[in-house]
Amino acid sequence: MARAYGANASLLAAFESTYGAVPGGDYWKLPFVSTSLGSEQGLIANDLIGLGRDPSAPLRDVVKVEGDIVVPLDVKNIGLWLRALLGSATVAGSGSVTHTFASGKPALASLTLETGLAELPAYFVASGVMANSLQLGFARSGAANATVGLIAQGEIRHTQTRDATPTTRELLRFNQFQGSIKKDGQPLGNVVSAQLTYSNNLERIETIRSDGRIEGADPTVASLTGNLEVRFADTLLIDAATNNTPLELSFGYEIDAERSIRFTAHEVYLPKPKLSISGPGGIQATFDWQAAKNAAVGRMFTVELTNDVEAY
């Protein structure tokens, strides 16, 4: 009897022309670290009485298809997730291409994702997949990964893959040591770690349907939050927090001039943290920041991805 292993799992993705309509082909094979996307259908306790003390059979609840997928921050494949999260990019350059993804678009595209376990064989096809959130962590060392929160309409299991010859792209990962954090365009020193979370705050459209699925997932007011853990070496951030002075923060990775990615929060507000001294070692402070739309730029969040891919 064949047993499924994560080492042999596959992930295919394609954008849908209509929400929930599964594409027939032209899928993109993507690398991933882990995934919890899948369908679940709970049970509701039966409320009947008068039939004795033993309960009647439970009732089935609605279908829920959502989960997280952890993907590598890499030079080429990450562009698909950015398009799902923020919409289509504007493109500049030839050969070395810069894709600029911007927050604030009123509508976003949906995906079909196929998680394949070839040993069984079983291929779980989730349709109407919307990217709800993206979470990034920045540290001194290690691999750079992103956690993408997903909400889907439905899932069907097949015994054959949707695309036996999917498109693949060269995998080249960014590493944490290639990262940098800037404040108002200048390097920000003494940062121990940082985190960034963007969310579309999707609203599930839960209409009455015979299949128990949602009607859709619509973006509402987006949010961009994060934190900075810094060694206390100056009062630069404390002063900005005390005076409620907005900052521009950018977080990026760069291999060279032709392969880089940068996440920019254009208007960031810092809370004033409480400083505590717990011993003779260095003193650290954590700033849990929030971002807002910058009137001059016209948006809250921008991602610039530079590679040799013509379009996503």
Protein backbone atom coordinates (compact mmCIF):
# COMPACT_ATOMS: atom_id res chain seq x y z
CA MET A 1 0.00 0.00 0.00
CA ALA A 2 1.39 3.37 -1.02
CA ARG A 3 1.82 6.02 1.65
CA ALA A 4 1.88 9.77 1.02
CA TYR A 5 4.91 11.83 2.01
CA GLY A 6 5.35 15.58 2.04
CA ALA A 7 8.63 15.17 0.19
CA ASN A 8 6.69 14.02 -2.88
CA ALA A 9 3.81 16.52 -2.62
CA SER A 10 3.24 19.03 -5.39
CA LEU A 11 1.51 22.40 -5.61
CA LEU A 12 0.03 23.77 -8.85
CA ALA A 13 -1.60 27.17 -9.26
CA ALA A 14 -3.48 29.05 -11.97
CA PHE A 15 -5.49 32.27 -11.96
CA GLU A 16 -9.21 31.92 -12.64
CA SER A 17 -11.01 33.93 -15.32
CA THR A 18 -14.19 33.74 -13.21
CA TYR A 19 -14.36 33.22 -9.46
CA GLY A 20 -14.58 29.51 -8.70
CA ALA A 21 -14.14 28.38 -12.32
CA VAL A 22 -11.33 25.82 -12.39
CA PRO A 23 -8.90 26.34 -15.33
CA GLY A 24 -8.38 23.37 -17.60
CA GLY A 25 -4.60 23.81 -17.91
CA ASP A 26 -1.65 26.21 -17.99
CA TYR A 27 -0.78 25.74 -14.32
CA TRP A 28 2.34 26.95 -12.56
CA LYS A 29 4.24 24.54 -10.30
CA LEU A 30 5.23 26.33 -7.10
CA PRO A 31 7.67 25.56 -4.30
CA PHE A 32 6.31 25.58 -0.76
CA VAL A 33 7.40 24.79 2.79
CA SER A 34 4.07 23.68 4.29
CA THR A 35 0.34 24.05 3.71
CA SER A 36 -2.79 23.71 5.83
CA LEU A 37 -5.25 24.70 3.08
CA GLY A 38 -8.08 22.22 2.91
CA SER A 39 -11.81 21.70 3.31
CA GLU A 40 -13.56 20.80 6.52
CA GLN A 41 -17.19 20.22 7.36
CA GLY A 42 -18.19 20.16 10.98
CA LEU A 43 -21.06 18.42 12.70
CA ILE A 44 -23.96 19.98 14.60
CA ALA A 45 -25.40 18.16 17.57
CA ASN A 46 -28.95 16.95 16.91
CA ASP A 47 -31.47 18.83 19.07
CA LEU A 48 -34.28 16.26 18.86
CA ILE A 49 -35.80 15.05 22.11
CA GLY A 50 -38.50 12.53 22.95
CA LEU A 51 -36.58 9.61 21.46
CA GLY A 52 -34.79 8.47 24.56
CA ARG A 53 -31.58 9.55 26.24
CA ASP A 54 -29.29 8.47 23.41
CA PRO A 55 -28.86 11.25 20.82
CA SER A 56 -29.92 11.10 17.19
CA ALA A 57 -27.34 11.33 14.40
CA PRO A 58 -25.62 14.74 14.13
CA LEU A 59 -26.24 17.13 11.25
CA ARG A 60 -23.60 18.25 8.80
CA ASP A 61 -22.56 21.92 8.89
CA VAL A 62 -21.39 24.18 6.04
CA VAL A 63 -18.15 23.58 4.15
CA LYS A 64 -15.17 25.69 5.20
CA VAL A 65 -12.05 25.85 2.99
CA GLU A 66 -9.19 27.94 4.28
CA GLY A 67 -5.68 27.69 5.71
CA ASP A 68 -2.14 29.00 5.49
CA ILE A 69 0.63 28.17 3.09
CA VAL A 70 4.27 28.89 3.88
CA VAL A 71 6.26 29.69 0.76
CA PRO A 72 9.88 30.71 0.20
CA LEU A 73 10.63 34.33 -0.58
CA ASP A 74 12.34 33.75 -3.90
CA VAL A 75 13.26 35.80 -6.92
CA LYS A 76 10.60 34.56 -9.36
CA ASN A 77 7.78 32.46 -7.90
CA ILE A 78 6.80 34.93 -5.17
CA GLY A 79 5.37 37.21 -7.87
CA LEU A 80 2.31 34.96 -8.26
CA TRP A 81 1.44 35.31 -4.56
CA LEU A 82 1.96 39.07 -4.71
CA ARG A 83 -0.42 39.32 -7.65
CA ALA A 84 -3.05 37.32 -5.74
CA LEU A 85 -2.57 39.52 -2.65
CA LEU A 86 -2.35 42.96 -4.27
CA GLY A 87 -3.54 42.63 -7.86
CA SER A 88 -1.65 43.00 -11.12
CA ALA A 89 1.65 44.89 -11.12
CA THR A 90 2.91 47.70 -13.26
CA VAL A 91 6.02 46.62 -15.16
CA ALA A 92 9.10 48.65 -16.07
CA GLY A 93 12.27 47.61 -17.83
CA SER A 94 13.39 44.92 -20.25
CA GLY A 95 15.66 42.04 -19.32
CA SER A 96 15.85 43.31 -15.77
CA VAL A 97 12.17 43.91 -14.99
CA THR A 98 10.73 45.71 -11.95
CA HIS A 99 7.20 44.65 -10.98
CA THR A 100 5.46 47.19 -8.74
CA PHE A 101 2.52 45.87 -6.73
CA ALA A 102 0.36 48.44 -4.93
CA SER A 103 -2.29 48.16 -2.23
CA GLY A 104 -5.77 49.58 -2.53
CA LYS A 105 -7.17 47.88 -5.64
CA PRO A 106 -10.96 47.40 -5.36
CA ALA A 107 -10.99 43.85 -6.78
CA LEU A 108 -8.57 40.94 -6.66
CA ALA A 109 -8.13 37.81 -8.80
CA SER A 110 -8.85 34.30 -7.54
CA LEU A 111 -6.76 31.17 -7.91
CA THR A 112 -7.18 27.45 -8.30
CA LEU A 113 -4.64 25.50 -6.24
CA GLU A 114 -3.97 21.79 -6.61
CA THR A 115 -2.18 19.93 -3.84
CA GLY A 116 -1.02 16.62 -5.23
CA LEU A 117 -0.13 13.35 -3.51
CA ALA A 118 0.94 11.18 -6.41
CA GLU A 119 1.50 7.97 -4.38
CA LEU A 120 -2.20 7.48 -3.61
CA PRO A 121 -3.02 9.08 -6.13
CA ALA A 122 -5.01 12.02 -4.74
CA TYR A 123 -5.11 15.59 -6.03
CA PHE A 124 -7.01 18.11 -3.91
CA VAL A 125 -8.20 21.00 -6.08
CA ALA A 126 -9.25 24.13 -4.19
CA SER A 127 -11.10 26.68 -6.32
CA GLY A 128 -12.05 30.28 -5.68
CA VAL A 129 -8.89 30.76 -3.62
CA MET A 130 -8.31 34.34 -2.43
CA ALA A 131 -5.15 35.61 -0.73
CA ASN A 132 -6.24 37.17 2.53
CA SER A 133 -2.92 38.00 4.19
CA LEU A 134 0.86 37.92 3.93
CA GLN A 135 3.15 37.69 6.94
CA LEU A 136 6.91 38.19 6.83
CA GLY A 137 9.55 37.82 9.52
CA PHE A 138 12.98 39.45 9.43
CA ALA A 139 15.93 38.11 11.41
CA ARG A 140 19.71 37.99 11.33
CA SER A 141 20.02 34.52 9.83
CA GLY A 142 18.01 31.75 8.23
CA ALA A 143 15.82 31.31 5.17
CA ALA A 144 13.35 34.02 4.22
CA ASN A 145 9.81 32.67 4.07
CA ALA A 146 6.33 34.17 3.79
CA THR A 147 3.07 32.89 5.26
CA VAL A 148 0.07 33.44 3.00
CA GLY A 149 -3.41 33.21 4.51
CA LEU A 150 -5.98 31.78 2.06
CA ILE A 151 -9.77 31.55 1.85
CA ALA A 152 -11.31 29.29 -0.82
CA GLN A 153 -14.80 28.53 -2.06
CA GLY A 154 -14.57 24.77 -2.35
CA GLU A 155 -12.38 21.70 -2.75
CA ILE A 156 -12.73 18.52 -4.82
CA ARG A 157 -10.49 15.46 -4.78
CA HIS A 158 -9.40 13.98 -8.12
CA THR A 159 -7.32 10.95 -9.06
CA GLN A 160 -5.47 12.77 -11.86
CA THR A 161 -3.62 16.06 -11.94
CA ARG A 162 -5.10 19.08 -13.71
CA ASP A 163 -1.84 19.65 -15.59
CA ALA A 164 0.77 16.95 -16.22
CA THR A 165 3.22 19.47 -17.72
CA PRO A 166 2.99 22.62 -15.58
CA THR A 167 5.22 25.64 -16.05
CA THR A 168 8.21 25.78 -13.72
CA ARG A 169 10.61 28.59 -12.97
CA GLU A 170 14.13 28.59 -11.60
CA LEU A 171 14.17 28.68 -7.79
CA LEU A 172 16.56 31.16 -6.18
CA ARG A 173 15.73 32.00 -2.56
CA PHE A 174 16.43 35.15 -0.65
CA ASN A 175 18.23 34.62 2.66
CA GLN A 176 17.87 36.61 5.85
CA PHE A 177 21.46 37.84 5.72
CA GLN A 178 20.58 39.68 2.49
CA GLY A 179 17.89 41.67 4.28
CA SER A 180 17.81 45.34 5.18
CA ILE A 181 15.43 47.72 6.92
CA LYS A 182 15.25 51.43 6.11
CA LYS A 183 13.57 54.42 7.69
CA ASP A 184 12.74 57.26 5.31
CA GLY A 185 15.17 55.80 2.78
CA GLN A 186 18.11 55.46 5.17
CA PRO A 187 19.34 52.27 6.88
CA LEU A 188 17.79 51.77 10.31
CA GLY A 189 20.35 50.42 12.77
CA ASN A 190 20.09 48.37 15.96
CA VAL A 191 17.13 46.27 14.72
CA VAL A 192 17.19 42.81 16.27
CA SER A 193 14.10 41.42 14.52
CA ALA A 194 11.04 42.66 12.68
CA GLN A 195 7.69 41.44 11.43
CA LEU A 196 5.26 42.70 8.81
CA THR A 197 1.67 41.59 8.19
CA TYR A 198 -0.56 42.82 5.36
CA SER A 199 -4.20 41.76 5.30
CA ASN A 200 -7.02 42.28 2.81
CA ASN A 201 -9.48 41.51 5.63
CA LEU A 202 -11.62 39.47 3.26
CA GLU A 203 -15.30 39.22 4.08
CA ARG A 204 -16.84 35.83 3.37
CA ILE A 205 -20.14 36.11 1.47
CA GLU A 206 -22.12 33.40 3.24
CA THR A 207 -25.30 33.04 1.22
CA ILE A 208 -27.76 30.15 1.29
CA ARG A 209 -26.55 27.48 -1.15
CA SER A 210 -27.32 23.79 -1.53
CA ASP A 211 -23.60 22.94 -1.67
CA GLY A 212 -22.71 24.73 1.58
CA ARG A 213 -20.03 26.87 -0.07
CA ILE A 214 -19.49 30.60 0.26
CA GLU A 215 -20.55 32.88 -2.59
CA GLY A 216 -17.25 34.73 -2.55
CA ALA A 217 -14.69 36.60 -0.43
CA ASP A 218 -14.56 40.37 -0.90
CA PRO A 219 -11.72 42.67 0.21
CA THR A 220 -12.65 45.29 2.82
CA VAL A 221 -10.46 47.92 4.51
CA ALA A 222 -6.91 46.58 4.36
CA SER A 223 -4.48 46.66 7.26
CA LEU A 224 -0.70 46.76 7.50
CA THR A 225 0.88 46.16 10.88
CA GLY A 226 4.14 44.90 12.27
CA ASN A 227 6.76 45.27 14.94
CA LEU A 228 10.35 46.34 15.34
CA GLU A 229 12.50 44.96 18.13
CA VAL A 230 15.49 47.27 18.55
CA ARG A 231 18.45 47.65 20.85
CA PHE A 232 18.11 50.89 22.77
CA ALA A 233 21.00 52.96 21.37
CA ASP A 234 19.30 56.28 20.61
CA THR A 235 15.94 58.03 20.98
CA LEU A 236 15.15 58.26 17.27
CA LEU A 237 12.13 55.94 17.32
CA ILE A 238 11.07 56.98 20.82
CA ASP A 239 10.91 60.61 19.67
CA ALA A 240 8.85 59.67 16.60
CA ALA A 241 6.45 57.71 18.79
CA THR A 242 6.16 60.46 21.38
CA ASN A 243 5.54 63.16 18.77
CA ASN A 244 3.25 60.92 16.64
CA THR A 245 5.49 61.59 13.65
CA PRO A 246 4.79 59.23 10.72
CA LEU A 247 7.71 57.37 9.16
CA GLU A 248 8.30 55.43 5.96
CA LEU A 249 9.61 51.95 6.64
CA SER A 250 10.93 49.60 3.98
CA PHE A 251 11.97 45.98 4.35
CA GLY A 252 13.88 44.25 1.60
CA TYR A 253 16.21 41.57 0.34
CA GLU A 254 18.77 42.04 -2.43
CA ILE A 255 21.03 39.57 -4.18
CA ASP A 256 22.19 42.13 -6.73
CA ALA A 257 20.77 45.03 -8.73
CA GLU A 258 18.77 42.67 -10.96
CA ARG A 259 17.35 40.40 -8.24
CA SER A 260 15.70 42.05 -5.28
CA ILE A 261 12.43 42.60 -3.43
CA ARG A 262 11.33 45.50 -1.24
CA PHE A 263 8.22 45.99 0.90
CA THR A 264 7.44 49.64 1.71
CA ALA A 265 4.96 50.95 4.25
CA HIS A 266 4.62 54.60 3.27
CA GLU A 267 3.12 56.06 6.43
CA VAL A 268 3.89 54.28 9.70
CA TYR A 269 2.84 55.32 13.18
CA LEU A 270 4.70 54.06 16.24
CA PRO A 271 3.28 53.58 19.73
CA LYS A 272 5.42 54.65 22.66
CA PRO A 273 6.62 51.43 24.30
CA LYS A 274 7.41 50.91 27.95
CA LEU A 275 11.12 50.37 28.52
CA SER A 276 12.09 47.80 31.12
CA ILE A 277 15.53 46.91 32.45
CA SER A 278 15.73 43.28 33.54
CA GLY A 279 19.45 42.87 34.11
CA PRO A 280 22.94 44.04 33.23
CA GLY A 281 22.61 43.22 29.52
CA GLY A 282 21.57 45.43 26.66
CA ILE A 283 18.18 47.13 26.75
CA GLN A 284 15.66 46.41 24.00
CA ALA A 285 12.35 47.96 23.02
CA THR A 286 9.54 46.63 20.81
CA PHE A 287 7.47 48.97 18.65
CA ASP A 288 4.15 47.51 17.43
CA TRP A 289 3.48 49.82 14.49
CA GLN A 290 0.49 50.48 12.26
CA ALA A 291 0.45 51.88 8.73
CA ALA A 292 -1.98 54.17 6.95
CA LYS A 293 -2.55 55.51 3.44
CA ASN A 294 -0.07 58.20 2.46
CA ALA A 295 -1.83 61.04 0.65
CA ALA A 296 1.22 62.02 -1.43
CA VAL A 297 1.94 58.47 -2.65
CA GLY A 298 -1.75 57.59 -2.90
CA ARG A 299 -1.51 54.22 -1.16
CA MET A 300 -0.43 52.47 2.02
CA PHE A 301 1.82 49.68 0.76
CA THR A 302 4.09 48.99 -2.21
CA VAL A 303 6.09 45.90 -3.15
CA GLU A 304 8.82 46.12 -5.80
CA LEU A 305 10.10 42.83 -7.21
CA THR A 306 13.02 42.90 -9.65
CA ASN A 307 13.82 39.82 -11.76
CA ASP A 308 13.80 38.70 -15.40
CA VAL A 309 10.13 37.58 -15.56
CA GLU A 310 8.21 39.57 -18.17
CA ALA A 311 4.81 39.45 -16.46
CA TYR A 312 2.73 37.56 -13.89
